[in-house]
PDB file of N, CA and C in Angstrom:
ATOM      1  N   MET A   1     -38.616  15.059-112.758  1.00  0.00           N
ATOM      2  CA  MET A   1     -38.247  14.244-111.626  1.00  0.00           C
ATOM      3  C   MET A   1     -36.770  14.452-111.321  1.00  0.00           C
ATOM      4  N   SER A   2     -36.464  14.665-110.050  1.00  0.00           N
ATOM      5  CA  SER A   2     -35.085  14.818-109.589  1.00  0.00           C
ATOM      6  C   SER A   2     -34.742  13.684-108.642  1.00  0.00           C
ATOM      7  N   TRP A   3     -33.481  13.327-108.611  1.00  0.00           N
ATOM      8  CA  TRP A   3     -32.996  12.336-107.666  1.00  0.00           C
ATOM      9  C   TRP A   3     -31.547  12.643-107.328  1.00  0.00           C
ATOM     10  N   THR A   4     -31.136  12.202-106.148  1.00  0.00           N
ATOM     11  CA  THR A   4     -29.806  12.532-105.636  1.00  0.00           C
ATOM     12  C   THR A   4     -29.034  11.262-105.328  1.00  0.00           C
ATOM     13  N   VAL A   5     -27.751  11.300-105.617  1.00  0.00           N
ATOM     14  CA  VAL A   5     -26.846  10.200-105.291  1.00  0.00           C
ATOM     15  C   VAL A   5     -25.606  10.796-104.617  1.00  0.00           C
ATOM     16  N   THR A   6     -25.109  10.101-103.612  1.00  0.00           N
ATOM     17  CA  THR A   6     -23.894  10.512-102.911  1.00  0.00           C
ATOM     18  C   THR A   6     -22.752   9.595-103.317  1.00  0.00           C
ATOM     19  N   ILE A   7     -21.661  10.217-103.743  1.00  0.00           N
ATOM     20  CA  ILE A   7     -20.472   9.475-104.166  1.00  0.00           C
ATOM     21  C   ILE A   7     -19.378   9.753-103.135  1.00  0.00           C
ATOM     22  N   PRO A   8     -18.978   8.735-102.369  1.00  0.00           N
ATOM     23  CA  PRO A   8     -17.992   8.959-101.317  1.00  0.00           C
ATOM     24  C   PRO A   8     -16.597   9.246-101.859  1.00  0.00           C
ATOM     25  N   GLY A   9     -15.817   9.967-101.061  1.00  0.00           N
ATOM     26  CA  GLY A   9     -14.437  10.280-101.406  1.00  0.00           C
ATOM     27  C   GLY A   9     -14.319  11.550-102.219  1.00  0.00           C
ATOM     28  N   GLN A  10     -13.114  12.009-102.338  1.00  0.00           N
ATOM     29  CA  GLN A  10     -12.828  13.193-103.145  1.00  0.00           C
ATOM     30  C   GLN A  10     -12.478  12.746-104.555  1.00  0.00           C
ATOM     31  N   PRO A  11     -13.124  13.325-105.565  1.00  0.00           N
ATOM     32  CA  PRO A  11     -12.777  12.915-106.934  1.00  0.00           C
ATOM     33  C   PRO A  11     -11.353  13.334-107.280  1.00  0.00           C
ATOM     34  N   PRO A  12     -10.654  12.493-108.035  1.00  0.00           N
ATOM     35  CA  PRO A  12      -9.330  12.906-108.502  1.00  0.00           C
ATOM     36  C   PRO A  12      -9.462  14.139-109.405  1.00  0.00           C
ATOM     37  N   SER A  13      -8.596  15.088-109.213  1.00  0.00           N
ATOM     38  CA  SER A  13      -8.589  16.277-110.059  1.00  0.00           C
ATOM     39  C   SER A  13      -8.205  15.891-111.473  1.00  0.00           C
ATOM     40  N   THR A  14      -8.767  16.575-112.447  1.00  0.00           N
ATOM     41  CA  THR A  14      -8.381  16.334-113.840  1.00  0.00           C
ATOM     42  C   THR A  14      -6.872  16.468-113.999  1.00  0.00           C
ATOM     43  N   ASN A  15      -6.270  17.385-113.245  1.00  0.00           N
ATOM     44  CA  ASN A  15      -4.819  17.591-113.325  1.00  0.00           C
ATOM     45  C   ASN A  15      -4.019  16.372-112.873  1.00  0.00           C
ATOM     46  N   HIS A  16      -4.632  15.507-112.038  1.00  0.00           N
ATOM     47  CA  HIS A  16      -3.912  14.345-111.504  1.00  0.00           C
ATOM     48  C   HIS A  16      -4.538  13.021-111.917  1.00  0.00           C
ATOM     49  N   ALA A  17      -5.502  13.041-112.814  1.00  0.00           N
ATOM     50  CA  ALA A  17      -6.219  11.828-113.206  1.00  0.00           C
ATOM     51  C   ALA A  17      -5.579  11.110-114.390  1.00  0.00           C
ATOM     52  N   TYR A  18      -4.547  11.689-114.963  1.00  0.00           N
ATOM     53  CA  TYR A  18      -3.927  11.098-116.152  1.00  0.00           C
ATOM     54  C   TYR A  18      -2.417  10.990-115.977  1.00  0.00           C
ATOM     55  N   LYS A  19      -1.844  10.003-116.645  1.00  0.00           N
ATOM     56  CA  LYS A  19      -0.396   9.813-116.645  1.00  0.00           C
ATOM     57  C   LYS A  19       0.053   9.587-118.081  1.00  0.00           C
ATOM     58  N   ILE A  20       1.321   9.829-118.337  1.00  0.00           N
ATOM     59  CA  ILE A  20       1.881   9.596-119.666  1.00  0.00           C
ATOM     60  C   ILE A  20       2.333   8.140-119.745  1.00  0.00           C
ATOM     61  N   VAL A  21       1.895   7.465-120.801  1.00  0.00           N
ATOM     62  CA  VAL A  21       2.287   6.069-121.023  1.00  0.00           C
ATOM     63  C   VAL A  21       2.847   5.932-122.436  1.00  0.00           C
ATOM     64  N   THR A  22       3.661   4.908-122.635  1.00  0.00           N
ATOM     65  CA  THR A  22       4.195   4.599-123.956  1.00  0.00           C
ATOM     66  C   THR A  22       3.480   3.361-124.475  1.00  0.00           C
ATOM     67  N   VAL A  23       2.967   3.445-125.682  1.00  0.00           N
ATOM     68  CA  VAL A  23       2.245   2.323-126.294  1.00  0.00           C
ATOM     69  C   VAL A  23       2.769   2.100-127.711  1.00  0.00           C
ATOM     70  N   ARG A  24       2.443   0.934-128.260  1.00  0.00           N
ATOM     71  CA  ARG A  24       2.778   0.597-129.642  1.00  0.00           C
ATOM     72  C   ARG A  24       1.502   0.190-130.346  1.00  0.00           C
ATOM     73  N   ARG A  25       1.398   0.513-131.599  1.00  0.00           N
ATOM     74  CA  ARG A  25       0.287   0.039-132.432  1.00  0.00           C
ATOM     75  C   ARG A  25       0.759  -1.176-133.199  1.00  0.00           C
ATOM     76  N   GLY A  26       0.126  -2.308-132.950  1.00  0.00           N
ATOM     77  CA  GLY A  26       0.466  -3.526-133.689  1.00  0.00           C
ATOM     78  C   GLY A  26       1.841  -4.067-133.322  1.00  0.00           C
ATOM     79  N   THR A  27       2.152  -5.205-133.866  1.00  0.00           N
ATOM     80  CA  THR A  27       3.440  -5.839-133.620  1.00  0.00           C
ATOM     81  C   THR A  27       4.528  -5.062-134.348  1.00  0.00           C
ATOM     82  N   GLY A  28       5.532  -4.663-133.608  1.00  0.00           N
ATOM     83  CA  GLY A  28       6.651  -3.946-134.211  1.00  0.00           C
ATOM     84  C   GLY A  28       6.350  -2.490-134.516  1.00  0.00           C
ATOM     85  N   GLY A  29       5.218  -1.980-134.043  1.00  0.00           N
ATOM     86  CA  GLY A  29       4.869  -0.587-134.293  1.00  0.00           C
ATOM     87  C   GLY A  29       5.803   0.367-133.574  1.00  0.00           C
ATOM     88  N   VAL A  30       5.836   1.553-134.059  1.00  0.00           N
ATOM     89  CA  VAL A  30       6.675   2.577-133.467  1.00  0.00           C
ATOM     90  C   VAL A  30       6.042   3.017-132.146  1.00  0.00           C
ATOM     91  N   PRO A  31       6.803   3.016-131.063  1.00  0.00           N
ATOM     92  CA  PRO A  31       6.236   3.447-129.785  1.00  0.00           C
ATOM     93  C   PRO A  31       5.927   4.947-129.800  1.00  0.00           C
ATOM     94  N   PHE A  32       4.860   5.298-129.116  1.00  0.00           N
ATOM     95  CA  PHE A  32       4.524   6.710-128.968  1.00  0.00           C
ATOM     96  C   PHE A  32       3.950   6.929-127.579  1.00  0.00           C
ATOM     97  N   ARG A  33       3.988   8.169-127.154  1.00  0.00           N
ATOM     98  CA  ARG A  33       3.512   8.521-125.815  1.00  0.00           C
ATOM     99  C   ARG A  33       2.111   9.111-125.910  1.00  0.00           C
ATOM    100  N   THR A  34       1.288   8.750-124.945  1.00  0.00           N
ATOM    101  CA  THR A  34      -0.078   9.251-124.893  1.00  0.00           C
ATOM    102  C   THR A  34      -0.515   9.331-123.435  1.00  0.00           C
ATOM    103  N   LEU A  35      -1.712   9.808-123.202  1.00  0.00           N
ATOM    104  CA  LEU A  35      -2.238   9.889-121.838  1.00  0.00           C
ATOM    105  C   LEU A  35      -3.158   8.715-121.551  1.00  0.00           C
ATOM    106  N   ALA A  36      -3.130   8.252-120.311  1.00  0.00           N
ATOM    107  CA  ALA A  36      -4.028   7.205-119.838  1.00  0.00           C
ATOM    108  C   ALA A  36      -4.456   7.587-118.420  1.00  0.00           C
ATOM    109  N   LYS A  37      -5.639   7.157-118.039  1.00  0.00           N
ATOM    110  CA  LYS A  37      -6.115   7.429-116.678  1.00  0.00           C
ATOM    111  C   LYS A  37      -5.271   6.672-115.665  1.00  0.00           C
ATOM    112  N   THR A  38      -5.084   7.280-114.503  1.00  0.00           N
ATOM    113  CA  THR A  38      -4.402   6.608-113.409  1.00  0.00           C
ATOM    114  C   THR A  38      -5.322   5.529-112.840  1.00  0.00           C
ATOM    115  N   ASP A  39      -4.755   4.592-112.107  1.00  0.00           N
ATOM    116  CA  ASP A  39      -5.560   3.550-111.468  1.00  0.00           C
ATOM    117  C   ASP A  39      -6.573   4.166-110.506  1.00  0.00           C
ATOM    118  N   GLU A  40      -6.161   5.206-109.789  1.00  0.00           N
ATOM    119  CA  GLU A  40      -7.069   5.894-108.857  1.00  0.00           C
ATOM    120  C   GLU A  40      -8.264   6.486-109.603  1.00  0.00           C
ATOM    121  N   ALA A  41      -8.003   7.108-110.736  1.00  0.00           N
ATOM    122  CA  ALA A  41      -9.080   7.721-111.522  1.00  0.00           C
ATOM    123  C   ALA A  41     -10.041   6.660-112.055  1.00  0.00           C
ATOM    124  N   VAL A  42      -9.500   5.554-112.549  1.00  0.00           N
ATOM    125  CA  VAL A  42     -10.336   4.473-113.075  1.00  0.00           C
ATOM    126  C   VAL A  42     -11.215   3.903-111.969  1.00  0.00           C
ATOM    127  N   SER A  43     -10.632   3.662-110.801  1.00  0.00           N
ATOM    128  CA  SER A  43     -11.391   3.101-109.673  1.00  0.00           C
ATOM    129  C   SER A  43     -12.492   4.046-109.209  1.00  0.00           C
ATOM    130  N   TYR A  44     -12.151   5.334-109.069  1.00  0.00           N
ATOM    131  CA  TYR A  44     -13.147   6.303-108.626  1.00  0.00           C
ATOM    132  C   TYR A  44     -14.292   6.393-109.636  1.00  0.00           C
ATOM    133  N   GLN A  45     -13.951   6.452-110.891  1.00  0.00           N
ATOM    134  CA  GLN A  45     -14.959   6.585-111.941  1.00  0.00           C
ATOM    135  C   GLN A  45     -15.870   5.355-112.001  1.00  0.00           C
ATOM    136  N   MET A  46     -15.317   4.173-111.852  1.00  0.00           N
ATOM    137  CA  MET A  46     -16.130   2.948-111.876  1.00  0.00           C
ATOM    138  C   MET A  46     -17.073   2.909-110.674  1.00  0.00           C
ATOM    139  N   ALA A  47     -16.574   3.271-109.500  1.00  0.00           N
ATOM    140  CA  ALA A  47     -17.429   3.284-108.311  1.00  0.00           C
ATOM    141  C   ALA A  47     -18.562   4.294-108.475  1.00  0.00           C
ATOM    142  N   ALA A  48     -18.243   5.474-108.994  1.00  0.00           N
ATOM    143  CA  ALA A  48     -19.269   6.492-109.213  1.00  0.00           C
ATOM    144  C   ALA A  48     -20.308   6.004-110.210  1.00  0.00           C
ATOM    145  N   ARG A  49     -19.851   5.382-111.269  1.00  0.00           N
ATOM    146  CA  ARG A  49     -20.768   4.853-112.295  1.00  0.00           C
ATOM    147  C   ARG A  49     -21.732   3.825-111.698  1.00  0.00           C
ATOM    148  N   LEU A  50     -21.213   2.904-110.901  1.00  0.00           N
ATOM    149  CA  LEU A  50     -22.061   1.879-110.287  1.00  0.00           C
ATOM    150  C   LEU A  50     -23.064   2.484-109.308  1.00  0.00           C
ATOM    151  N   LEU A  51     -22.629   3.467-108.514  1.00  0.00           N
ATOM    152  CA  LEU A  51     -23.530   4.112-107.556  1.00  0.00           C
ATOM    153  C   LEU A  51     -24.660   4.862-108.266  1.00  0.00           C
ATOM    154  N   VAL A  52     -24.335   5.564-109.338  1.00  0.00           N
ATOM    155  CA  VAL A  52     -25.355   6.299-110.091  1.00  0.00           C
ATOM    156  C   VAL A  52     -26.337   5.328-110.739  1.00  0.00           C
ATOM    157  N   ALA A  53     -25.830   4.271-111.334  1.00  0.00           N
ATOM    158  CA  ALA A  53     -26.712   3.284-111.977  1.00  0.00           C
ATOM    159  C   ALA A  53     -27.650   2.652-110.953  1.00  0.00           C
ATOM    160  N   ALA A  54     -27.136   2.361-109.757  1.00  0.00           N
ATOM    161  CA  ALA A  54     -27.967   1.737-108.721  1.00  0.00           C
ATOM    162  C   ALA A  54     -28.999   2.712-108.158  1.00  0.00           C
ATOM    163  N   ALA A  55     -28.673   3.998-108.127  1.00  0.00           N
ATOM    164  CA  ALA A  55     -29.580   5.002-107.557  1.00  0.00           C
ATOM    165  C   ALA A  55     -30.636   5.482-108.547  1.00  0.00           C
ATOM    166  N   ARG A  56     -30.438   5.212-109.815  1.00  0.00           N
ATOM    167  CA  ARG A  56     -31.376   5.683-110.850  1.00  0.00           C
ATOM    168  C   ARG A  56     -32.770   5.103-110.600  1.00  0.00           C
ATOM    169  N   PRO A  57     -33.767   5.962-110.438  1.00  0.00           N
ATOM    170  CA  PRO A  57     -35.124   5.462-110.209  1.00  0.00           C
ATOM    171  C   PRO A  57     -35.645   4.716-111.436  1.00  0.00           C
ATOM    172  N   SER A  58     -36.373   3.646-111.192  1.00  0.00           N
ATOM    173  CA  SER A  58     -36.945   2.920-112.324  1.00  0.00           C
ATOM    174  C   SER A  58     -37.930   3.840-113.034  1.00  0.00           C
ATOM    175  N   GLY A  59     -37.911   3.789-114.315  1.00  0.00           N
ATOM    176  CA  GLY A  59     -38.806   4.638-115.095  1.00  0.00           C
ATOM    177  C   GLY A  59     -38.262   6.029-115.374  1.00  0.00           C
ATOM    178  N   TRP A  60     -37.114   6.395-114.781  1.00  0.00           N
ATOM    179  CA  TRP A  60     -36.549   7.720-115.044  1.00  0.00           C
ATOM    180  C   TRP A  60     -36.014   7.759-116.461  1.00  0.00           C
ATOM    181  N   LYS A  61     -36.450   8.765-117.214  1.00  0.00           N
ATOM    182  CA  LYS A  61     -35.991   8.963-118.591  1.00  0.00           C
ATOM    183  C   LYS A  61     -35.402  10.364-118.691  1.00  0.00           C
ATOM    184  N   PRO A  62     -34.209  10.478-119.259  1.00  0.00           N
ATOM    185  CA  PRO A  62     -33.609  11.810-119.384  1.00  0.00           C
ATOM    186  C   PRO A  62     -34.342  12.654-120.421  1.00  0.00           C
ATOM    187  N   GLU A  63     -34.419  13.936-120.134  1.00  0.00           N
ATOM    188  CA  GLU A  63     -34.955  14.891-121.101  1.00  0.00           C
ATOM    189  C   GLU A  63     -33.851  15.207-122.114  1.00  0.00           C
ATOM    190  N   ALA A  64     -34.129  16.158-123.002  1.00  0.00           N
ATOM    191  CA  ALA A  64     -33.127  16.552-123.993  1.00  0.00           C
ATOM    192  C   ALA A  64     -31.863  17.054-123.299  1.00  0.00           C
ATOM    193  N   GLN A  65     -32.043  17.751-122.178  1.00  0.00           N
ATOM    194  CA  GLN A  65     -30.908  18.218-121.385  1.00  0.00           C
ATOM    195  C   GLN A  65     -31.079  17.695-119.959  1.00  0.00           C
ATOM    196  N   VAL A  66     -29.969  17.399-119.326  1.00  0.00           N
ATOM    197  CA  VAL A  66     -29.979  16.858-117.973  1.00  0.00           C
ATOM    198  C   VAL A  66     -29.200  17.812-117.078  1.00  0.00           C
ATOM    199  N   ARG A  67     -29.863  18.311-116.046  1.00  0.00           N
ATOM    200  CA  ARG A  67     -29.209  19.225-115.106  1.00  0.00           C
ATOM    201  C   ARG A  67     -28.563  18.408-113.999  1.00  0.00           C
ATOM    202  N   LEU A  68     -27.271  18.663-113.759  1.00  0.00           N
ATOM    203  CA  LEU A  68     -26.529  18.043-112.672  1.00  0.00           C
ATOM    204  C   LEU A  68     -26.144  19.134-111.693  1.00  0.00           C
ATOM    205  N   THR A  69     -26.611  19.013-110.469  1.00  0.00           N
ATOM    206  CA  THR A  69     -26.266  19.978-109.437  1.00  0.00           C
ATOM    207  C   THR A  69     -25.329  19.297-108.453  1.00  0.00           C
ATOM    208  N   TYR A  70     -24.120  19.816-108.345  1.00  0.00           N
ATOM    209  CA  TYR A  70     -23.089  19.230-107.497  1.00  0.00           C
ATOM    210  C   TYR A  70     -22.936  20.009-106.195  1.00  0.00           C
ATOM    211  N   ARG A  71     -22.798  19.261-105.102  1.00  0.00           N
ATOM    212  CA  ARG A  71     -22.390  19.803-103.816  1.00  0.00           C
ATOM    213  C   ARG A  71     -21.127  19.036-103.426  1.00  0.00           C
ATOM    214  N   LEU A  72     -20.006  19.753-103.367  1.00  0.00           N
ATOM    215  CA  LEU A  72     -18.699  19.145-103.134  1.00  0.00           C
ATOM    216  C   LEU A  72     -18.284  19.309-101.677  1.00  0.00           C
ATOM    217  N   TYR A  73     -17.970  18.207-101.034  1.00  0.00           N
ATOM    218  CA  TYR A  73     -17.451  18.190 -99.671  1.00  0.00           C
ATOM    219  C   TYR A  73     -16.076  17.533 -99.760  1.00  0.00           C
ATOM    220  N   LEU A  74     -15.040  18.367 -99.859  1.00  0.00           N
ATOM    221  CA  LEU A  74     -13.699  17.906-100.200  1.00  0.00           C
ATOM    222  C   LEU A  74     -12.789  17.885 -98.974  1.00  0.00           C
ATOM    223  N   SER A  75     -11.816  16.976 -98.990  1.00  0.00           N
ATOM    224  CA  SER A  75     -10.867  16.870 -97.882  1.00  0.00           C
ATOM    225  C   SER A  75      -9.693  17.841 -98.048  1.00  0.00           C
ATOM    226  N   ARG A  76      -9.529  18.382 -99.256  1.00  0.00           N
ATOM    227  CA  ARG A  76      -8.457  19.357 -99.516  1.00  0.00           C
ATOM    228  C   ARG A  76      -8.906  20.283-100.648  1.00  0.00           C
ATOM    229  N   LYS A  77      -8.206  21.394-100.787  1.00  0.00           N
ATOM    230  CA  LYS A  77      -8.574  22.357-101.819  1.00  0.00           C
ATOM    231  C   LYS A  77      -8.442  21.736-103.208  1.00  0.00           C
ATOM    232  N   GLN A  78      -9.389  22.086-104.061  1.00  0.00           N
ATOM    233  CA  GLN A  78      -9.377  21.604-105.445  1.00  0.00           C
ATOM    234  C   GLN A  78     -10.321  22.497-106.244  1.00  0.00           C
ATOM    235  N   ASP A  79      -9.920  22.834-107.458  1.00  0.00           N
ATOM    236  CA  ASP A  79     -10.803  23.612-108.320  1.00  0.00           C
ATOM    237  C   ASP A  79     -12.082  22.821-108.577  1.00  0.00           C
ATOM    238  N   ALA A  80     -13.216  23.493-108.494  1.00  0.00           N
ATOM    239  CA  ALA A  80     -14.502  22.819-108.696  1.00  0.00           C
ATOM    240  C   ALA A  80     -14.590  22.199-110.090  1.00  0.00           C
ATOM    241  N   ASP A  81     -14.161  22.936-111.112  1.00  0.00           N
ATOM    242  CA  ASP A  81     -14.286  22.401-112.467  1.00  0.00           C
ATOM    243  C   ASP A  81     -13.380  21.191-112.692  1.00  0.00           C
ATOM    244  N   ASN A  82     -12.250  21.109-111.990  1.00  0.00           N
ATOM    245  CA  ASN A  82     -11.374  19.945-112.114  1.00  0.00           C
ATOM    246  C   ASN A  82     -11.960  18.714-111.437  1.00  0.00           C
ATOM    247  N   SER A  83     -12.963  18.910-110.595  1.00  0.00           N
ATOM    248  CA  SER A  83     -13.629  17.794-109.919  1.00  0.00           C
ATOM    249  C   SER A  83     -14.672  17.134-110.812  1.00  0.00           C
ATOM    250  N   LEU A  84     -15.112  17.821-111.838  1.00  0.00           N
ATOM    251  CA  LEU A  84     -16.288  17.376-112.576  1.00  0.00           C
ATOM    252  C   LEU A  84     -16.034  16.435-113.747  1.00  0.00           C
ATOM    253  N   LYS A  85     -14.901  16.486-114.389  1.00  0.00           N
ATOM    254  CA  LYS A  85     -14.676  15.724-115.628  1.00  0.00           C
ATOM    255  C   LYS A  85     -14.924  14.226-115.443  1.00  0.00           C
ATOM    256  N   LEU A  86     -14.251  13.609-114.474  1.00  0.00           N
ATOM    257  CA  LEU A  86     -14.435  12.171-114.266  1.00  0.00           C
ATOM    258  C   LEU A  86     -15.869  11.853-113.843  1.00  0.00           C
ATOM    259  N   LEU A  87     -16.451  12.726-113.024  1.00  0.00           N
ATOM    260  CA  LEU A  87     -17.826  12.498-112.573  1.00  0.00           C
ATOM    261  C   LEU A  87     -18.815  12.588-113.726  1.00  0.00           C
ATOM    262  N   ASN A  88     -18.693  13.611-114.542  1.00  0.00           N
ATOM    263  CA  ASN A  88     -19.602  13.741-115.692  1.00  0.00           C
ATOM    264  C   ASN A  88     -19.508  12.526-116.611  1.00  0.00           C
ATOM    265  N   ASP A  89     -18.283  12.070-116.866  1.00  0.00           N
ATOM    266  CA  ASP A  89     -18.105  10.893-117.729  1.00  0.00           C
ATOM    267  C   ASP A  89     -18.721   9.645-117.093  1.00  0.00           C
ATOM    268  N   ALA A  90     -18.537   9.462-115.786  1.00  0.00           N
ATOM    269  CA  ALA A  90     -19.098   8.298-115.092  1.00  0.00           C
ATOM    270  C   ALA A  90     -20.623   8.326-115.108  1.00  0.00           C
ATOM    271  N   ILE A  91     -21.187   9.499-114.866  1.00  0.00           N
ATOM    272  CA  ILE A  91     -22.648   9.630-114.857  1.00  0.00           C
ATOM    273  C   ILE A  91     -23.212   9.385-116.251  1.00  0.00           C
ATOM    274  N   ALA A  92     -22.554   9.916-117.262  1.00  0.00           N
ATOM    275  CA  ALA A  92     -23.013   9.698-118.640  1.00  0.00           C
ATOM    276  C   ALA A  92     -23.022   8.214-118.979  1.00  0.00           C
ATOM    277  N   ARG A  93     -21.980   7.494-118.586  1.00  0.00           N
ATOM    278  CA  ARG A  93     -21.935   6.048-118.848  1.00  0.00           C
ATOM    279  C   ARG A  93     -23.028   5.317-118.076  1.00  0.00           C
ATOM    280  N   ALA A  94     -23.257   5.717-116.820  1.00  0.00           N
ATOM    281  CA  ALA A  94     -24.284   5.061-115.996  1.00  0.00           C
ATOM    282  C   ALA A  94     -25.682   5.274-116.566  1.00  0.00           C
ATOM    283  N   LEU A  95     -25.905   6.445-117.165  1.00  0.00           N
ATOM    284  CA  LEU A  95     -27.226   6.774-117.710  1.00  0.00           C
ATOM    285  C   LEU A  95     -27.347   6.420-119.189  1.00  0.00           C
ATOM    286  N   ASP A  96     -26.240   5.993-119.785  1.00  0.00           N
ATOM    287  CA  ASP A  96     -26.190   5.632-121.198  1.00  0.00           C
ATOM    288  C   ASP A  96     -26.612   6.789-122.106  1.00  0.00           C
ATOM    289  N   ILE A  97     -26.073   7.979-121.789  1.00  0.00           N
ATOM    290  CA  ILE A  97     -26.300   9.155-122.626  1.00  0.00           C
ATOM    291  C   ILE A  97     -24.977   9.892-122.810  1.00  0.00           C
ATOM    292  N   ASN A  98     -24.923  10.781-123.790  1.00  0.00           N
ATOM    293  CA  ASN A  98     -23.732  11.580-124.046  1.00  0.00           C
ATOM    294  C   ASN A  98     -23.711  12.754-123.083  1.00  0.00           C
ATOM    295  N   ASP A  99     -22.545  13.030-122.502  1.00  0.00           N
ATOM    296  CA  ASP A  99     -22.471  14.126-121.539  1.00  0.00           C
ATOM    297  C   ASP A  99     -22.565  15.505-122.186  1.00  0.00           C
ATOM    298  N   ASP A 100     -22.689  15.583-123.503  1.00  0.00           N
ATOM    299  CA  ASP A 100     -22.926  16.885-124.129  1.00  0.00           C
ATOM    300  C   ASP A 100     -24.335  17.397-123.816  1.00  0.00           C
ATOM    301  N   ARG A 101     -25.178  16.538-123.256  1.00  0.00           N
ATOM    302  CA  ARG A 101     -26.535  16.937-122.856  1.00  0.00           C
ATOM    303  C   ARG A 101     -26.586  17.484-121.442  1.00  0.00           C
ATOM    304  N   PHE A 102     -25.459  17.442-120.729  1.00  0.00           N
ATOM    305  CA  PHE A 102     -25.431  17.849-119.329  1.00  0.00           C
ATOM    306  C   PHE A 102     -25.348  19.361-119.173  1.00  0.00           C
ATOM    307  N   LEU A 103     -26.037  19.847-118.154  1.00  0.00           N
ATOM    308  CA  LEU A 103     -25.934  21.225-117.704  1.00  0.00           C
ATOM    309  C   LEU A 103     -25.420  21.172-116.265  1.00  0.00           C
ATOM    310  N   PRO A 104     -24.102  21.068-116.078  1.00  0.00           N
ATOM    311  CA  PRO A 104     -23.567  20.930-114.728  1.00  0.00           C
ATOM    312  C   PRO A 104     -23.498  22.267-114.000  1.00  0.00           C
ATOM    313  N   CYS A 105     -23.776  22.217-112.707  1.00  0.00           N
ATOM    314  CA  CYS A 105     -23.721  23.408-111.867  1.00  0.00           C
ATOM    315  C   CYS A 105     -23.169  23.014-110.504  1.00  0.00           C
ATOM    316  N   VAL A 106     -22.139  23.709-110.040  1.00  0.00           N
ATOM    317  CA  VAL A 106     -21.630  23.483-108.696  1.00  0.00           C
ATOM    318  C   VAL A 106     -22.359  24.447-107.778  1.00  0.00           C
ATOM    319  N   GLU A 107     -23.178  23.874-106.918  1.00  0.00           N
ATOM    320  CA  GLU A 107     -23.991  24.669-105.994  1.00  0.00           C
ATOM    321  C   GLU A 107     -23.189  25.103-104.775  1.00  0.00           C
ATOM    322  N   SER A 108     -22.299  24.216-104.299  1.00  0.00           N
ATOM    323  CA  SER A 108     -21.487  24.555-103.133  1.00  0.00           C
ATOM    324  C   SER A 108     -20.223  23.722-103.120  1.00  0.00           C
ATOM    325  N   LYS A 109     -19.233  24.240-102.402  1.00  0.00           N
ATOM    326  CA  LYS A 109     -17.964  23.528-102.231  1.00  0.00           C
ATOM    327  C   LYS A 109     -17.432  23.904-100.862  1.00  0.00           C
ATOM    328  N   GLU A 110     -17.093  22.891-100.066  1.00  0.00           N
ATOM    329  CA  GLU A 110     -16.492  23.179 -98.769  1.00  0.00           C
ATOM    330  C   GLU A 110     -15.474  22.109 -98.415  1.00  0.00           C
ATOM    331  N   ILE A 111     -14.537  22.497 -97.564  1.00  0.00           N
ATOM    332  CA  ILE A 111     -13.521  21.579 -97.067  1.00  0.00           C
ATOM    333  C   ILE A 111     -14.059  20.972 -95.771  1.00  0.00           C
ATOM    334  N   VAL A 112     -13.993  19.647 -95.677  1.00  0.00           N
ATOM    335  CA  VAL A 112     -14.489  18.948 -94.492  1.00  0.00           C
ATOM    336  C   VAL A 112     -13.360  18.111 -93.891  1.00  0.00           C
ATOM    337  N   LYS A 113     -13.424  17.901 -92.583  1.00  0.00           N
ATOM    338  CA  LYS A 113     -12.407  17.093 -91.906  1.00  0.00           C
ATOM    339  C   LYS A 113     -12.703  15.612 -92.025  1.00  0.00           C
ATOM    340  N   ALA A 114     -13.970  15.261 -92.184  1.00  0.00           N
ATOM    341  CA  ALA A 114     -14.362  13.855 -92.278  1.00  0.00           C
ATOM    342  C   ALA A 114     -15.428  13.701 -93.355  1.00  0.00           C
ATOM    343  N   ASN A 115     -15.522  12.497 -93.897  1.00  0.00           N
ATOM    344  CA  ASN A 115     -16.559  12.140 -94.865  1.00  0.00           C
ATOM    345  C   ASN A 115     -16.545  12.986 -96.142  1.00  0.00           C
ATOM    346  N   PRO A 116     -15.398  13.061 -96.845  1.00  0.00           N
ATOM    347  CA  PRO A 116     -15.418  13.755 -98.136  1.00  0.00           C
ATOM    348  C   PRO A 116     -16.349  13.012 -99.085  1.00  0.00           C
ATOM    349  N   ARG A 117     -17.053  13.775 -99.911  1.00  0.00           N
ATOM    350  CA  ARG A 117     -18.049  13.168-100.806  1.00  0.00           C
ATOM    351  C   ARG A 117     -18.524  14.195-101.812  1.00  0.00           C
ATOM    352  N   VAL A 118     -19.260  13.698-102.797  1.00  0.00           N
ATOM    353  CA  VAL A 118     -19.920  14.560-103.767  1.00  0.00           C
ATOM    354  C   VAL A 118     -21.379  14.150-103.779  1.00  0.00           C
ATOM    355  N   GLU A 119     -22.260  15.111-103.593  1.00  0.00           N
ATOM    356  CA  GLU A 119     -23.691  14.861-103.701  1.00  0.00           C
ATOM    357  C   GLU A 119     -24.149  15.447-105.028  1.00  0.00           C
ATOM    358  N   VAL A 120     -24.782  14.615-105.832  1.00  0.00           N
ATOM    359  CA  VAL A 120     -25.220  15.030-107.170  1.00  0.00           C
ATOM    360  C   VAL A 120     -26.730  14.871-107.257  1.00  0.00           C
ATOM    361  N   THR A 121     -27.400  15.949-107.611  1.00  0.00           N
ATOM    362  CA  THR A 121     -28.828  15.880-107.900  1.00  0.00           C
ATOM    363  C   THR A 121     -28.978  15.917-109.407  1.00  0.00           C
ATOM    364  N   ILE A 122     -29.713  14.949-109.926  1.00  0.00           N
ATOM    365  CA  ILE A 122     -29.898  14.798-111.369  1.00  0.00           C
ATOM    366  C   ILE A 122     -31.343  15.117-111.694  1.00  0.00           C
ATOM    367  N   THR A 123     -31.550  16.066-112.601  1.00  0.00           N
ATOM    368  CA  THR A 123     -32.899  16.493-112.987  1.00  0.00           C
ATOM    369  C   THR A 123     -33.052  16.385-114.482  1.00  0.00           C
TER     370      THR A 123
END
C-alpha cells in the first residue's frame, strides 16, 4: 500500500538547520558548545510530523523497509540530499519507526515561483 502526503514550504537545508549553542551540564558545570536545531527547523519538522501522522491511512503497517519517494518543488536552489534529513526524521517520528529502515529516493526536483512544497509517497 502506498500513500502520499504534501508538506508545504521549502525544508530547511541541513546546512542551515543547526546553530551553535553554549550549554552547561548540571549546576556549576563547565560550559561547552554544541549544535541545536534552529527554531525554523524545529517548526518545519513538527509541522511535517503532524501532517504525516494525520495522512497515515488507518491500518497501514510498515514493512521491514519503507520506501520514501520525494518530489521537491523548491523556491530556491538547494541540494536534494540536504532537504531530506529533517524530513526523514519527522516521518520516522510520525510513523514511530527508526529511519534506518527508510529507502529514500528523490524522484524530481524543480524550482517553482509559487507553492513550494515536498510531496512524499510512502510505500
